N, C-alpha and C. Protein backbone atom coordinates (compact mmCIF):
# COMPACT_ATOMS: atom_id res chain seq x y z
N MET A 1 5.17 47.86 11.42
CA MET A 1 5.25 47.36 10.05
C MET A 1 6.66 46.86 9.73
N THR A 2 7.64 47.68 10.15
CA THR A 2 9.04 47.33 9.90
C THR A 2 9.41 46.05 10.66
N ILE A 3 8.88 45.91 11.90
CA ILE A 3 9.17 44.73 12.70
C ILE A 3 8.58 43.48 12.06
N CYS A 4 7.35 43.60 11.55
CA CYS A 4 6.69 42.47 10.88
C CYS A 4 7.45 42.05 9.63
N LEU A 5 7.90 43.02 8.85
CA LEU A 5 8.66 42.72 7.64
C LEU A 5 9.98 42.05 7.98
N SER A 6 10.63 42.55 9.01
CA SER A 6 11.91 41.96 9.44
C SER A 6 11.70 40.52 9.91
N LEU A 7 10.62 40.30 10.67
CA LEU A 7 10.31 38.95 11.14
C LEU A 7 10.03 38.01 9.98
N LEU A 8 9.28 38.48 9.00
CA LEU A 8 8.97 37.67 7.82
C LEU A 8 10.22 37.31 7.05
N LEU A 9 11.12 38.27 6.89
CA LEU A 9 12.37 38.02 6.16
C LEU A 9 13.23 37.00 6.92
N ASN A 10 13.24 37.10 8.24
CA ASN A 10 14.01 36.14 9.05
C ASN A 10 13.44 34.73 8.92
N ILE A 11 12.11 34.63 8.91
CA ILE A 11 11.47 33.32 8.75
C ILE A 11 11.81 32.72 7.39
N ILE A 12 11.74 33.55 6.35
CA ILE A 12 12.07 33.09 4.99
C ILE A 12 13.52 32.63 4.94
N LEU A 13 14.42 33.39 5.57
CA LEU A 13 15.84 33.04 5.57
C LEU A 13 16.06 31.71 6.28
N ILE A 14 15.38 31.51 7.40
CA ILE A 14 15.51 30.24 8.15
C ILE A 14 15.02 29.08 7.31
N LEU A 15 13.89 29.26 6.63
CA LEU A 15 13.35 28.20 5.78
C LEU A 15 14.29 27.87 4.62
N VAL A 16 14.87 28.88 4.02
CA VAL A 16 15.80 28.66 2.91
C VAL A 16 17.02 27.88 3.39
N ILE A 17 17.56 28.29 4.54
CA ILE A 17 18.72 27.59 5.10
C ILE A 17 18.37 26.15 5.43
N PHE A 18 17.16 25.93 6.01
CA PHE A 18 16.73 24.59 6.37
C PHE A 18 16.67 23.70 5.14
N TRP A 19 16.03 24.17 4.07
CA TRP A 19 15.88 23.34 2.88
C TRP A 19 17.20 23.14 2.15
N LEU A 20 18.12 24.10 2.26
CA LEU A 20 19.45 23.89 1.70
C LEU A 20 20.18 22.78 2.46
N LEU A 21 20.02 22.76 3.78
CA LEU A 21 20.63 21.69 4.59
C LEU A 21 20.01 20.34 4.25
N VAL A 22 18.68 20.32 4.05
CA VAL A 22 18.02 19.07 3.65
C VAL A 22 18.55 18.59 2.32
N ALA A 23 18.69 19.51 1.36
CA ALA A 23 19.19 19.14 0.03
C ALA A 23 20.59 18.55 0.11
N ALA A 24 21.42 19.09 1.01
CA ALA A 24 22.78 18.59 1.15
C ALA A 24 22.80 17.24 1.87
N ALA A 25 22.00 17.11 2.92
CA ALA A 25 22.02 15.88 3.72
C ALA A 25 21.35 14.71 3.02
N PHE A 26 20.41 14.99 2.12
CA PHE A 26 19.63 13.93 1.47
C PHE A 26 19.84 13.93 -0.05
N ARG A 27 21.05 14.27 -0.48
CA ARG A 27 21.32 14.34 -1.92
C ARG A 27 21.16 12.98 -2.60
N LYS A 28 21.54 11.89 -1.91
CA LYS A 28 21.41 10.56 -2.50
C LYS A 28 19.95 10.15 -2.63
N GLU A 29 19.14 10.53 -1.64
CA GLU A 29 17.71 10.23 -1.70
C GLU A 29 17.04 11.04 -2.81
N ILE A 30 17.44 12.29 -2.97
CA ILE A 30 16.89 13.12 -4.04
C ILE A 30 17.30 12.57 -5.41
N LYS A 31 18.55 12.15 -5.51
CA LYS A 31 19.02 11.53 -6.76
C LYS A 31 18.22 10.27 -7.07
N ALA A 32 17.90 9.49 -6.02
CA ALA A 32 17.13 8.26 -6.20
C ALA A 32 15.74 8.56 -6.77
N VAL A 33 15.15 9.66 -6.34
CA VAL A 33 13.83 10.04 -6.86
C VAL A 33 13.90 10.24 -8.38
N PHE A 34 14.89 10.98 -8.84
CA PHE A 34 15.01 11.24 -10.28
C PHE A 34 15.32 9.97 -11.06
N GLU A 35 16.05 9.04 -10.45
CA GLU A 35 16.39 7.79 -11.13
C GLU A 35 15.21 6.84 -11.24
N ARG A 36 14.29 6.88 -10.25
CA ARG A 36 13.24 5.85 -10.16
C ARG A 36 11.82 6.36 -10.33
N ASP A 37 11.64 7.67 -10.42
CA ASP A 37 10.29 8.20 -10.58
C ASP A 37 10.21 9.08 -11.82
N PRO A 38 9.58 8.60 -12.89
CA PRO A 38 9.48 9.40 -14.11
C PRO A 38 8.64 10.66 -13.95
N ALA A 39 7.86 10.74 -12.86
CA ALA A 39 7.02 11.92 -12.63
C ALA A 39 7.81 13.09 -12.06
N ALA A 40 9.02 12.85 -11.59
CA ALA A 40 9.83 13.94 -11.01
C ALA A 40 10.30 14.87 -12.12
N THR A 41 9.98 16.14 -11.98
CA THR A 41 10.30 17.09 -13.06
C THR A 41 11.35 18.12 -12.69
N SER A 42 11.49 18.43 -11.40
CA SER A 42 12.47 19.44 -11.02
C SER A 42 12.98 19.19 -9.61
N PHE A 43 14.15 19.73 -9.34
CA PHE A 43 14.76 19.59 -8.02
C PHE A 43 13.89 20.21 -6.95
N LEU A 44 13.36 21.40 -7.22
CA LEU A 44 12.53 22.10 -6.24
C LEU A 44 11.25 21.33 -5.95
N GLU A 45 10.66 20.74 -6.98
CA GLU A 45 9.45 19.95 -6.80
C GLU A 45 9.71 18.76 -5.87
N VAL A 46 10.79 18.06 -6.10
CA VAL A 46 11.14 16.91 -5.26
C VAL A 46 11.39 17.35 -3.82
N LEU A 47 12.12 18.42 -3.67
CA LEU A 47 12.49 18.90 -2.34
C LEU A 47 11.28 19.33 -1.52
N LEU A 48 10.31 19.96 -2.17
CA LEU A 48 9.20 20.56 -1.43
C LEU A 48 7.91 19.76 -1.42
N THR A 49 7.75 18.79 -2.33
CA THR A 49 6.45 18.13 -2.44
C THR A 49 6.48 16.61 -2.25
N TYR A 50 7.63 15.99 -2.14
CA TYR A 50 7.69 14.53 -2.05
C TYR A 50 7.61 14.08 -0.59
N SER A 51 6.48 13.48 -0.21
CA SER A 51 6.26 13.08 1.17
C SER A 51 7.24 12.02 1.64
N GLY A 52 7.69 11.15 0.73
CA GLY A 52 8.67 10.14 1.11
C GLY A 52 9.97 10.76 1.60
N LEU A 53 10.41 11.81 0.92
CA LEU A 53 11.62 12.53 1.34
C LEU A 53 11.38 13.23 2.67
N HIS A 54 10.21 13.84 2.82
CA HIS A 54 9.91 14.54 4.07
C HIS A 54 9.87 13.58 5.25
N ALA A 55 9.34 12.36 5.04
CA ALA A 55 9.30 11.37 6.11
C ALA A 55 10.71 11.01 6.56
N LEU A 56 11.64 10.93 5.62
CA LEU A 56 13.03 10.62 5.96
C LEU A 56 13.68 11.76 6.74
N VAL A 57 13.29 12.99 6.41
CA VAL A 57 13.81 14.14 7.17
C VAL A 57 13.34 14.06 8.62
N PHE A 58 12.05 13.81 8.81
CA PHE A 58 11.52 13.66 10.18
C PHE A 58 12.24 12.53 10.91
N HIS A 59 12.48 11.42 10.19
CA HIS A 59 13.13 10.27 10.84
C HIS A 59 14.54 10.62 11.28
N LYS A 60 15.26 11.32 10.44
CA LYS A 60 16.65 11.66 10.78
C LYS A 60 16.69 12.57 12.02
N ILE A 61 15.77 13.51 12.10
CA ILE A 61 15.71 14.42 13.25
C ILE A 61 15.35 13.62 14.51
N ALA A 62 14.32 12.75 14.39
CA ALA A 62 13.89 11.95 15.54
C ALA A 62 15.00 11.04 16.02
N LYS A 63 15.72 10.43 15.08
CA LYS A 63 16.80 9.50 15.45
C LYS A 63 17.94 10.24 16.15
N ALA A 64 18.20 11.48 15.73
CA ALA A 64 19.26 12.26 16.38
C ALA A 64 18.92 12.51 17.85
N PHE A 65 17.66 12.83 18.13
CA PHE A 65 17.23 13.04 19.52
C PHE A 65 17.24 11.72 20.30
N LEU A 66 16.91 10.62 19.60
CA LEU A 66 16.93 9.30 20.26
C LEU A 66 18.34 8.95 20.69
N LYS A 67 19.32 9.23 19.84
CA LYS A 67 20.72 8.94 20.17
C LYS A 67 21.19 9.77 21.36
N MET A 68 20.58 10.95 21.53
CA MET A 68 20.92 11.79 22.68
C MET A 68 20.18 11.37 23.94
N ARG A 69 19.38 10.28 23.82
CA ARG A 69 18.62 9.72 24.94
C ARG A 69 17.63 10.73 25.54
N ILE A 70 17.07 11.55 24.67
CA ILE A 70 16.03 12.49 25.11
C ILE A 70 14.69 11.76 25.07
N PRO A 71 13.98 11.69 26.19
CA PRO A 71 12.71 10.95 26.20
C PRO A 71 11.60 11.69 25.48
N PHE A 72 10.62 10.94 25.03
CA PHE A 72 9.36 11.44 24.47
C PHE A 72 9.52 12.15 23.12
N LEU A 73 10.48 13.08 23.03
CA LEU A 73 10.59 13.93 21.84
C LEU A 73 10.77 13.14 20.55
N PRO A 74 11.63 12.09 20.51
CA PRO A 74 11.78 11.34 19.25
C PRO A 74 10.46 10.76 18.74
N ARG A 75 9.68 10.15 19.65
CA ARG A 75 8.40 9.58 19.22
C ARG A 75 7.41 10.66 18.80
N TRP A 76 7.45 11.79 19.50
CA TRP A 76 6.55 12.90 19.13
C TRP A 76 6.87 13.39 17.73
N ILE A 77 8.16 13.50 17.41
CA ILE A 77 8.56 13.94 16.07
C ILE A 77 8.15 12.92 15.02
N SER A 78 8.32 11.62 15.32
CA SER A 78 7.94 10.59 14.35
C SER A 78 6.43 10.60 14.12
N GLN A 79 5.65 10.85 15.18
CA GLN A 79 4.20 10.91 15.02
C GLN A 79 3.77 12.16 14.26
N LEU A 80 4.48 13.25 14.46
CA LEU A 80 4.22 14.46 13.68
C LEU A 80 4.50 14.18 12.20
N GLY A 81 5.60 13.45 11.95
CA GLY A 81 5.92 13.07 10.58
C GLY A 81 4.84 12.20 9.97
N ARG A 82 4.30 11.26 10.76
CA ARG A 82 3.21 10.41 10.27
C ARG A 82 1.97 11.24 9.94
N PHE A 83 1.65 12.21 10.81
CA PHE A 83 0.49 13.06 10.60
C PHE A 83 0.61 13.86 9.31
N LEU A 84 1.82 14.34 9.00
CA LEU A 84 2.02 15.21 7.85
C LEU A 84 2.26 14.44 6.55
N THR A 85 2.78 13.21 6.65
CA THR A 85 3.16 12.49 5.43
C THR A 85 2.39 11.19 5.21
N GLY A 86 1.75 10.66 6.26
CA GLY A 86 1.08 9.36 6.15
C GLY A 86 2.04 8.20 6.24
N ILE A 87 3.30 8.46 6.60
CA ILE A 87 4.35 7.44 6.68
C ILE A 87 4.85 7.38 8.12
N GLU A 88 4.80 6.20 8.73
CA GLU A 88 5.25 6.06 10.12
C GLU A 88 6.56 5.29 10.18
N ILE A 89 7.60 5.97 10.63
CA ILE A 89 8.91 5.35 10.79
C ILE A 89 9.33 5.50 12.25
N HIS A 90 9.53 4.40 12.93
CA HIS A 90 9.95 4.47 14.33
C HIS A 90 11.36 5.07 14.41
N PRO A 91 11.62 5.94 15.37
CA PRO A 91 12.95 6.55 15.48
C PRO A 91 14.09 5.54 15.59
N GLY A 92 13.79 4.34 16.11
CA GLY A 92 14.83 3.34 16.28
C GLY A 92 15.22 2.60 15.01
N ALA A 93 14.42 2.72 13.95
CA ALA A 93 14.73 2.01 12.70
C ALA A 93 16.03 2.52 12.11
N ARG A 94 16.78 1.59 11.47
CA ARG A 94 18.04 1.95 10.81
C ARG A 94 17.84 1.93 9.30
N ILE A 95 18.10 3.06 8.67
CA ILE A 95 17.82 3.21 7.24
C ILE A 95 19.10 3.61 6.51
N GLY A 96 19.42 2.87 5.46
CA GLY A 96 20.61 3.16 4.67
C GLY A 96 20.40 4.34 3.73
N GLU A 97 21.36 4.55 2.85
CA GLU A 97 21.30 5.68 1.92
C GLU A 97 20.48 5.33 0.69
N GLY A 98 19.91 6.34 0.09
CA GLY A 98 19.24 6.17 -1.21
C GLY A 98 17.89 5.51 -1.14
N LEU A 99 17.22 5.50 0.02
CA LEU A 99 15.87 4.94 0.10
C LEU A 99 14.91 5.82 -0.69
N PHE A 100 14.11 5.19 -1.55
CA PHE A 100 13.08 5.91 -2.32
C PHE A 100 11.72 5.39 -1.91
N ILE A 101 10.91 6.25 -1.31
CA ILE A 101 9.55 5.91 -0.92
C ILE A 101 8.62 6.56 -1.92
N ASP A 102 7.96 5.75 -2.75
CA ASP A 102 7.08 6.28 -3.79
C ASP A 102 5.66 6.37 -3.26
N HIS A 103 5.07 7.55 -3.30
CA HIS A 103 3.74 7.84 -2.72
C HIS A 103 3.81 7.69 -1.20
N GLY A 104 3.91 6.47 -0.70
CA GLY A 104 4.24 6.29 0.71
C GLY A 104 3.09 6.19 1.68
N MET A 105 1.90 6.63 1.32
CA MET A 105 0.79 6.62 2.27
C MET A 105 0.58 5.22 2.87
N GLY A 106 0.51 5.16 4.20
CA GLY A 106 0.25 3.89 4.87
C GLY A 106 1.47 3.05 5.16
N ILE A 107 2.65 3.52 4.86
CA ILE A 107 3.87 2.75 5.15
C ILE A 107 4.15 2.77 6.66
N VAL A 108 4.52 1.60 7.20
CA VAL A 108 4.89 1.47 8.61
C VAL A 108 6.23 0.74 8.69
N ILE A 109 7.19 1.35 9.37
CA ILE A 109 8.52 0.75 9.55
C ILE A 109 8.78 0.66 11.04
N GLY A 110 8.94 -0.57 11.55
CA GLY A 110 9.05 -0.81 12.97
C GLY A 110 10.38 -0.44 13.59
N GLU A 111 10.41 -0.51 14.91
CA GLU A 111 11.54 -0.02 15.71
C GLU A 111 12.86 -0.68 15.37
N THR A 112 12.89 -2.00 15.19
CA THR A 112 14.15 -2.71 14.98
C THR A 112 14.37 -3.08 13.52
N ALA A 113 13.59 -2.48 12.63
CA ALA A 113 13.80 -2.73 11.20
C ALA A 113 15.13 -2.15 10.75
N ILE A 114 15.77 -2.86 9.82
CA ILE A 114 17.03 -2.38 9.21
C ILE A 114 16.82 -2.39 7.70
N ILE A 115 17.09 -1.26 7.06
CA ILE A 115 16.90 -1.13 5.61
C ILE A 115 18.25 -0.79 4.99
N GLY A 116 18.66 -1.55 3.99
CA GLY A 116 19.95 -1.33 3.33
C GLY A 116 19.94 -0.14 2.41
N ASP A 117 20.95 -0.06 1.56
CA ASP A 117 21.09 1.07 0.63
C ASP A 117 20.27 0.85 -0.64
N ASN A 118 19.81 1.96 -1.20
CA ASN A 118 19.14 1.98 -2.51
C ASN A 118 17.90 1.08 -2.58
N VAL A 119 17.14 1.07 -1.49
CA VAL A 119 15.89 0.30 -1.44
C VAL A 119 14.75 1.15 -1.98
N THR A 120 13.80 0.51 -2.65
CA THR A 120 12.61 1.19 -3.15
C THR A 120 11.38 0.60 -2.48
N MET A 121 10.49 1.47 -2.02
CA MET A 121 9.33 1.04 -1.25
C MET A 121 8.09 1.79 -1.72
N TYR A 122 7.00 1.04 -1.92
CA TYR A 122 5.75 1.64 -2.39
C TYR A 122 4.73 1.76 -1.27
N GLN A 123 3.60 2.39 -1.58
CA GLN A 123 2.61 2.69 -0.54
C GLN A 123 2.06 1.42 0.10
N GLY A 124 1.67 1.57 1.37
CA GLY A 124 1.02 0.46 2.08
C GLY A 124 1.94 -0.63 2.58
N VAL A 125 3.24 -0.45 2.50
CA VAL A 125 4.19 -1.47 2.94
C VAL A 125 4.28 -1.47 4.47
N THR A 126 4.38 -2.67 5.04
CA THR A 126 4.59 -2.81 6.49
C THR A 126 5.84 -3.64 6.74
N LEU A 127 6.76 -3.08 7.49
CA LEU A 127 7.90 -3.85 8.03
C LEU A 127 7.61 -3.99 9.51
N GLY A 128 6.92 -5.07 9.88
CA GLY A 128 6.38 -5.19 11.22
C GLY A 128 6.89 -6.38 11.99
N GLY A 129 6.48 -6.45 13.25
CA GLY A 129 6.79 -7.59 14.11
C GLY A 129 5.65 -8.59 14.12
N THR A 130 5.87 -9.72 14.77
CA THR A 130 4.85 -10.77 14.82
C THR A 130 4.44 -11.12 16.24
N GLY A 131 4.95 -10.43 17.22
CA GLY A 131 4.61 -10.75 18.59
C GLY A 131 5.07 -9.67 19.54
N LYS A 132 5.12 -10.02 20.83
CA LYS A 132 5.48 -9.05 21.87
C LYS A 132 6.91 -9.24 22.37
N GLU A 133 7.69 -10.05 21.65
CA GLU A 133 9.05 -10.31 22.11
C GLU A 133 9.89 -9.03 22.06
N LYS A 134 10.90 -8.99 22.91
CA LYS A 134 11.82 -7.86 22.93
C LYS A 134 12.98 -8.12 21.97
N GLY A 135 13.83 -7.13 21.80
CA GLY A 135 14.99 -7.28 20.94
C GLY A 135 14.63 -7.16 19.47
N LYS A 136 15.45 -7.77 18.62
CA LYS A 136 15.25 -7.67 17.17
C LYS A 136 13.99 -8.44 16.77
N ARG A 137 12.99 -7.74 16.30
CA ARG A 137 11.71 -8.37 15.99
C ARG A 137 11.12 -7.86 14.67
N HIS A 138 11.89 -7.06 13.95
CA HIS A 138 11.42 -6.54 12.66
C HIS A 138 12.40 -6.96 11.56
N PRO A 139 11.99 -6.85 10.30
CA PRO A 139 12.82 -7.38 9.20
C PRO A 139 14.10 -6.58 8.95
N THR A 140 15.03 -7.27 8.30
CA THR A 140 16.23 -6.64 7.73
C THR A 140 16.12 -6.73 6.22
N ILE A 141 16.16 -5.59 5.54
CA ILE A 141 16.00 -5.52 4.09
C ILE A 141 17.36 -5.26 3.46
N GLY A 142 17.77 -6.11 2.52
CA GLY A 142 19.08 -5.97 1.88
C GLY A 142 19.14 -4.82 0.90
N ASP A 143 20.34 -4.57 0.41
CA ASP A 143 20.57 -3.49 -0.56
C ASP A 143 19.81 -3.75 -1.87
N ASN A 144 19.37 -2.67 -2.49
CA ASN A 144 18.75 -2.70 -3.83
C ASN A 144 17.44 -3.48 -3.88
N ALA A 145 16.82 -3.73 -2.75
CA ALA A 145 15.55 -4.45 -2.75
C ALA A 145 14.41 -3.52 -3.20
N VAL A 146 13.37 -4.14 -3.74
CA VAL A 146 12.15 -3.42 -4.14
C VAL A 146 10.98 -4.07 -3.42
N ILE A 147 10.18 -3.27 -2.73
CA ILE A 147 9.03 -3.80 -1.98
C ILE A 147 7.77 -3.18 -2.57
N GLY A 148 6.93 -4.02 -3.18
CA GLY A 148 5.76 -3.55 -3.90
C GLY A 148 4.65 -3.07 -2.98
N ALA A 149 3.68 -2.39 -3.58
CA ALA A 149 2.58 -1.78 -2.84
C ALA A 149 1.81 -2.82 -2.02
N GLY A 150 1.56 -2.49 -0.76
CA GLY A 150 0.75 -3.35 0.10
C GLY A 150 1.46 -4.55 0.66
N ALA A 151 2.73 -4.74 0.38
CA ALA A 151 3.45 -5.92 0.87
C ALA A 151 3.66 -5.83 2.38
N LYS A 152 3.61 -7.01 3.04
CA LYS A 152 3.84 -7.08 4.47
C LYS A 152 5.03 -8.00 4.72
N VAL A 153 6.05 -7.46 5.35
CA VAL A 153 7.24 -8.25 5.70
C VAL A 153 7.30 -8.26 7.22
N LEU A 154 7.14 -9.46 7.81
CA LEU A 154 6.87 -9.54 9.24
C LEU A 154 7.88 -10.42 9.97
N GLY A 155 8.32 -9.94 11.11
CA GLY A 155 9.19 -10.72 11.97
C GLY A 155 10.66 -10.44 11.76
N ASN A 156 11.49 -11.09 12.56
CA ASN A 156 12.94 -10.94 12.48
C ASN A 156 13.47 -11.83 11.36
N ILE A 157 13.23 -11.41 10.14
CA ILE A 157 13.68 -12.16 8.96
C ILE A 157 14.57 -11.26 8.11
N THR A 158 15.26 -11.89 7.18
CA THR A 158 16.17 -11.15 6.30
C THR A 158 15.73 -11.30 4.85
N ILE A 159 15.60 -10.18 4.18
CA ILE A 159 15.31 -10.16 2.75
C ILE A 159 16.62 -9.85 2.04
N GLY A 160 17.07 -10.75 1.18
CA GLY A 160 18.39 -10.63 0.57
C GLY A 160 18.54 -9.46 -0.37
N ASP A 161 19.78 -9.16 -0.69
CA ASP A 161 20.09 -8.08 -1.64
C ASP A 161 19.43 -8.35 -2.99
N ASN A 162 19.07 -7.27 -3.67
CA ASN A 162 18.54 -7.33 -5.05
C ASN A 162 17.25 -8.13 -5.16
N SER A 163 16.50 -8.23 -4.08
CA SER A 163 15.26 -8.99 -4.11
C SER A 163 14.07 -8.10 -4.44
N TYR A 164 13.01 -8.73 -4.93
CA TYR A 164 11.78 -8.02 -5.30
C TYR A 164 10.61 -8.69 -4.59
N ILE A 165 9.91 -7.91 -3.76
CA ILE A 165 8.71 -8.41 -3.08
C ILE A 165 7.50 -7.86 -3.82
N GLY A 166 6.69 -8.75 -4.39
CA GLY A 166 5.55 -8.34 -5.18
C GLY A 166 4.47 -7.66 -4.37
N SER A 167 3.60 -6.93 -5.04
CA SER A 167 2.51 -6.22 -4.39
C SER A 167 1.63 -7.18 -3.60
N ASN A 168 1.29 -6.77 -2.37
CA ASN A 168 0.39 -7.51 -1.46
C ASN A 168 0.93 -8.86 -0.99
N ALA A 169 2.19 -9.13 -1.25
CA ALA A 169 2.79 -10.36 -0.72
C ALA A 169 2.91 -10.27 0.80
N VAL A 170 2.85 -11.43 1.46
CA VAL A 170 3.07 -11.50 2.90
C VAL A 170 4.27 -12.41 3.13
N VAL A 171 5.35 -11.84 3.62
CA VAL A 171 6.61 -12.57 3.75
C VAL A 171 6.92 -12.77 5.23
N ILE A 172 7.10 -14.02 5.64
CA ILE A 172 7.37 -14.34 7.05
C ILE A 172 8.59 -15.23 7.22
N LYS A 173 9.31 -15.49 6.11
CA LYS A 173 10.52 -16.31 6.17
C LYS A 173 11.66 -15.61 5.44
N ASP A 174 12.88 -16.01 5.79
CA ASP A 174 14.06 -15.43 5.13
C ASP A 174 13.99 -15.64 3.62
N VAL A 175 14.55 -14.68 2.91
CA VAL A 175 14.57 -14.73 1.44
C VAL A 175 16.02 -14.56 0.99
N PRO A 176 16.52 -15.46 0.13
CA PRO A 176 17.91 -15.33 -0.35
C PRO A 176 18.08 -14.15 -1.29
N ASN A 177 19.32 -13.83 -1.58
CA ASN A 177 19.62 -12.75 -2.53
C ASN A 177 19.01 -13.04 -3.90
N ASN A 178 18.74 -11.98 -4.65
CA ASN A 178 18.34 -12.10 -6.06
C ASN A 178 17.08 -12.94 -6.26
N SER A 179 16.07 -12.68 -5.44
CA SER A 179 14.84 -13.46 -5.52
C SER A 179 13.64 -12.55 -5.74
N THR A 180 12.58 -13.14 -6.30
CA THR A 180 11.29 -12.48 -6.36
C THR A 180 10.33 -13.24 -5.47
N ILE A 181 9.56 -12.52 -4.66
CA ILE A 181 8.62 -13.14 -3.72
C ILE A 181 7.22 -12.63 -4.05
N VAL A 182 6.28 -13.56 -4.22
CA VAL A 182 4.90 -13.17 -4.51
C VAL A 182 3.95 -14.04 -3.71
N GLY A 183 2.72 -13.56 -3.53
CA GLY A 183 1.67 -14.39 -2.95
C GLY A 183 1.55 -14.31 -1.45
N VAL A 184 0.53 -15.05 -0.93
CA VAL A 184 0.24 -15.13 0.50
C VAL A 184 0.12 -16.60 0.89
N PRO A 185 1.02 -17.17 1.67
CA PRO A 185 2.28 -16.54 2.09
C PRO A 185 3.24 -16.40 0.93
N GLY A 186 4.26 -15.59 1.11
CA GLY A 186 5.19 -15.32 0.02
C GLY A 186 5.90 -16.56 -0.49
N ARG A 187 5.93 -16.71 -1.81
CA ARG A 187 6.66 -17.81 -2.46
C ARG A 187 7.79 -17.22 -3.29
N ILE A 188 8.85 -17.96 -3.41
CA ILE A 188 10.08 -17.42 -3.99
C ILE A 188 10.28 -17.92 -5.41
N THR A 189 10.64 -17.00 -6.30
CA THR A 189 11.11 -17.34 -7.63
C THR A 189 12.53 -16.83 -7.77
N LYS A 190 13.49 -17.73 -7.96
CA LYS A 190 14.88 -17.30 -8.10
C LYS A 190 15.06 -16.48 -9.38
N GLN A 191 16.00 -15.54 -9.34
CA GLN A 191 16.26 -14.66 -10.48
C GLN A 191 17.60 -14.95 -11.15
N ASP A 192 18.12 -16.17 -10.93
CA ASP A 192 19.35 -16.60 -11.60
C ASP A 192 20.54 -15.68 -11.32
N GLY A 193 20.57 -15.17 -10.11
CA GLY A 193 21.72 -14.37 -9.71
C GLY A 193 21.78 -13.00 -10.34
N LYS A 194 20.70 -12.55 -11.00
CA LYS A 194 20.72 -11.25 -11.65
C LYS A 194 20.07 -10.20 -10.77
N LYS A 195 20.57 -8.98 -10.87
CA LYS A 195 20.00 -7.88 -10.11
C LYS A 195 18.60 -7.56 -10.62
N ILE A 196 17.70 -7.23 -9.71
CA ILE A 196 16.34 -6.89 -10.09
C ILE A 196 16.35 -5.64 -10.97
N ASP A 197 15.55 -5.65 -12.02
CA ASP A 197 15.45 -4.52 -12.94
C ASP A 197 14.81 -3.34 -12.23
N VAL A 198 15.51 -2.21 -12.17
CA VAL A 198 14.98 -1.04 -11.48
C VAL A 198 13.91 -0.32 -12.28
N SER A 199 13.48 -0.90 -13.42
CA SER A 199 12.34 -0.33 -14.13
C SER A 199 11.06 -0.53 -13.32
N LEU A 200 11.10 -1.41 -12.30
CA LEU A 200 10.00 -1.59 -11.36
C LEU A 200 8.72 -2.00 -12.06
N ASP A 201 8.82 -2.97 -12.93
CA ASP A 201 7.66 -3.45 -13.69
C ASP A 201 6.85 -4.41 -12.83
N HIS A 202 5.70 -3.95 -12.32
CA HIS A 202 4.87 -4.78 -11.46
C HIS A 202 4.06 -5.79 -12.25
N ILE A 203 3.90 -5.59 -13.53
CA ILE A 203 2.98 -6.40 -14.32
C ILE A 203 3.57 -7.77 -14.63
N HIS A 204 4.87 -7.84 -14.87
CA HIS A 204 5.47 -9.07 -15.36
C HIS A 204 6.26 -9.81 -14.29
N VAL A 205 5.87 -9.65 -13.03
CA VAL A 205 6.51 -10.41 -11.96
C VAL A 205 6.07 -11.87 -12.06
N LEU A 206 7.04 -12.77 -12.00
CA LEU A 206 6.74 -14.20 -12.13
C LEU A 206 6.09 -14.73 -10.87
N ASP A 207 5.04 -15.51 -11.02
CA ASP A 207 4.37 -16.18 -9.91
C ASP A 207 4.72 -17.66 -10.00
N PRO A 208 5.45 -18.21 -9.01
CA PRO A 208 5.89 -19.61 -9.10
C PRO A 208 4.73 -20.59 -9.17
N LEU A 209 3.61 -20.28 -8.50
CA LEU A 209 2.45 -21.17 -8.54
C LEU A 209 1.87 -21.24 -9.95
N LEU A 210 1.76 -20.07 -10.57
CA LEU A 210 1.26 -20.05 -11.95
C LEU A 210 2.23 -20.75 -12.90
N GLN A 211 3.53 -20.60 -12.62
CA GLN A 211 4.52 -21.29 -13.45
C GLN A 211 4.33 -22.81 -13.36
N GLU A 212 4.11 -23.31 -12.14
CA GLU A 212 3.90 -24.76 -11.96
C GLU A 212 2.64 -25.23 -12.68
N ILE A 213 1.58 -24.42 -12.62
CA ILE A 213 0.34 -24.77 -13.31
C ILE A 213 0.56 -24.82 -14.82
N GLU A 214 1.29 -23.83 -15.33
CA GLU A 214 1.59 -23.81 -16.77
C GLU A 214 2.40 -25.03 -17.17
N GLU A 215 3.38 -25.41 -16.32
CA GLU A 215 4.19 -26.59 -16.63
C GLU A 215 3.34 -27.86 -16.62
N LEU A 216 2.41 -27.97 -15.66
CA LEU A 216 1.51 -29.13 -15.61
C LEU A 216 0.62 -29.19 -16.84
N LYS A 217 0.12 -28.04 -17.26
CA LYS A 217 -0.72 -28.00 -18.46
C LYS A 217 0.07 -28.47 -19.69
N GLU A 218 1.33 -28.01 -19.78
CA GLU A 218 2.17 -28.43 -20.91
C GLU A 218 2.41 -29.94 -20.87
N ARG A 219 2.64 -30.49 -19.67
CA ARG A 219 2.85 -31.94 -19.55
C ARG A 219 1.57 -32.71 -19.94
N LEU A 220 0.41 -32.22 -19.51
CA LEU A 220 -0.85 -32.86 -19.89
C LEU A 220 -1.06 -32.81 -21.38
N ASP A 221 -0.74 -31.67 -21.99
CA ASP A 221 -0.89 -31.56 -23.46
C ASP A 221 -0.01 -32.57 -24.17
N ARG A 222 1.23 -32.75 -23.66
CA ARG A 222 2.15 -33.70 -24.30
C ARG A 222 1.63 -35.12 -24.11
N LEU A 223 1.10 -35.44 -22.92
CA LEU A 223 0.59 -36.78 -22.67
C LEU A 223 -0.63 -37.09 -23.53
N GLU A 224 -1.52 -36.09 -23.70
CA GLU A 224 -2.70 -36.28 -24.54
C GLU A 224 -2.33 -36.53 -25.99
N LYS A 225 -1.26 -35.87 -26.42
CA LYS A 225 -0.82 -36.07 -27.81
C LYS A 225 -0.19 -37.45 -27.99
């Protein structure tokens, strides 16, 4: 009985130390959750229940083993992370600070993907390749970018800083800084050099095709008059 109690206390102590280390190592990511998710109510809740944060923990561990050139183990850890969180991040991906993954189910981040600082990503996002070529074949995402639910960013392309990719958009070409991208294939609406609003309003994203249609309608109305 005494041995079982001692073992249980040791396990609890190890878990407490582990989560304290996670809290210290991922303080910017935890801060990002409180800044961008109104549903976050407490530090403990974020630490223990947010799958996006847990996926980043798995990625950091897998990447550490990858840097040590240990075979098999990095991919096994990343697959374990996918099984537990629904988020697949290849150990080779490079991720900056302050990434916020909201919900996260179905997210795939490829081996050569590069993600900047303070990026926000919603469920169903794919940062994927477009073929079997070697080398850099996945996207580079700039700082402060927002990638909406279901968006697919494919190939060795660059998404500029402060850009917003609308839900279900398919992006296969480079995107300049401060842009909004919507549609299939993705079309760009410039944001006049302004940083994307971190309120993450999916409803009022401008669609350039609809804008052109509205402008044509206005021109027709003027001609009819």
